[in-house]
C-alpha cells in the first residue's frame, strides 16, 4: 500500500516520507506537500528510488553474442 507520512517534530521540523513508491513516483507524490510546506532543506532517497532505476537499466540492456 502506498502512503505518505508527514511528521512535525517538537522543534517545528517537518519531514515527508513516501512509502512503497518506486523511482520518481515518490517525487510526484510528495511534490504538492513540499510546495505547500515551503523550501526543501534536505532530501534523502530510499533504496526503492534507485531500485526502480536499476530495473529500467537492466530492461534496456541488450546482449550480443
Protein backbone atom coordinates (compact mmCIF):
# COMPACT_ATOMS: atom_id res chain seq x y z
CA UNK A 1 0.00 0.00 0.00
CA UNK A 2 1.40 3.40 -0.99
CA UNK A 3 1.32 6.06 1.68
CA UNK A 4 2.72 9.48 2.50
CA UNK A 5 3.76 10.14 6.10
CA UNK A 6 4.19 13.74 7.25
CA UNK A 7 5.86 14.23 10.64
CA UNK A 8 6.14 17.51 12.50
CA UNK A 9 8.76 17.50 15.25
CA UNK A 10 8.57 19.44 18.51
CA UNK A 11 11.10 21.87 17.04
CA UNK A 12 8.84 22.50 14.03
CA UNK A 13 10.93 20.46 11.60
CA UNK A 14 8.74 18.72 9.04
CA UNK A 15 9.60 15.51 7.23
CA UNK A 16 7.72 13.81 4.41
CA UNK A 17 8.19 10.12 3.75
CA UNK A 18 6.82 8.25 0.72
CA UNK A 19 6.42 4.53 1.33
CA UNK A 20 6.09 1.86 -1.37
CA UNK A 21 6.72 4.20 -4.29
CA UNK A 22 9.30 3.36 -6.95
CA UNK A 23 11.59 5.75 -8.76
CA UNK A 24 10.29 9.22 -9.49
CA UNK A 25 6.77 8.26 -8.33
CA UNK A 26 7.78 9.44 -4.85
CA UNK A 27 8.78 12.87 -6.19
CA UNK A 28 5.42 13.24 -7.91
CA UNK A 29 3.54 12.10 -4.79
CA UNK A 30 5.34 14.42 -2.37
CA UNK A 31 5.60 17.48 -4.65
CA UNK A 32 2.26 19.06 -3.59
CA UNK A 33 3.16 18.70 0.09
CA UNK A 34 6.62 20.14 -0.43
CA UNK A 35 5.14 23.12 -2.29
CA UNK A 36 2.61 23.75 0.47
CA UNK A 37 5.16 23.47 3.27
CA UNK A 38 7.88 25.66 1.75
CA UNK A 39 11.54 25.23 0.88
CA UNK A 40 13.05 21.74 0.90
CA UNK A 41 16.17 21.79 3.05
CA UNK A 42 17.26 18.17 2.61
CA UNK A 43 16.06 15.24 0.52
CA UNK A 44 17.04 11.64 1.22
CA UNK A 45 16.18 8.93 -1.26
CA UNK A 46 15.05 5.49 -0.12
CA UNK A 47 16.56 2.37 -1.75
CA UNK A 48 13.31 1.82 -3.70
CA UNK A 49 14.02 5.00 -5.67
CA UNK A 50 17.27 3.59 -7.01
CA UNK A 51 16.00 0.01 -7.37
CA UNK A 52 13.46 1.16 -9.93
CA UNK A 53 16.14 2.96 -11.93
CA UNK A 54 18.30 -0.17 -11.85
CA UNK A 55 15.38 -2.29 -13.12
CA UNK A 56 14.85 0.15 -16.00
CA UNK A 57 18.53 -0.03 -16.97
CA UNK A 58 18.55 -3.83 -16.79
CA UNK A 59 15.46 -3.98 -19.01
CA UNK A 60 17.15 -1.89 -21.71
CA UNK A 61 20.41 -3.79 -21.81
CA UNK A 62 20.96 -5.93 -24.89
CA UNK A 63 23.10 -8.98 -25.12
CA UNK A 64 25.21 -9.53 -28.22
CA UNK A 65 26.88 -12.84 -28.90
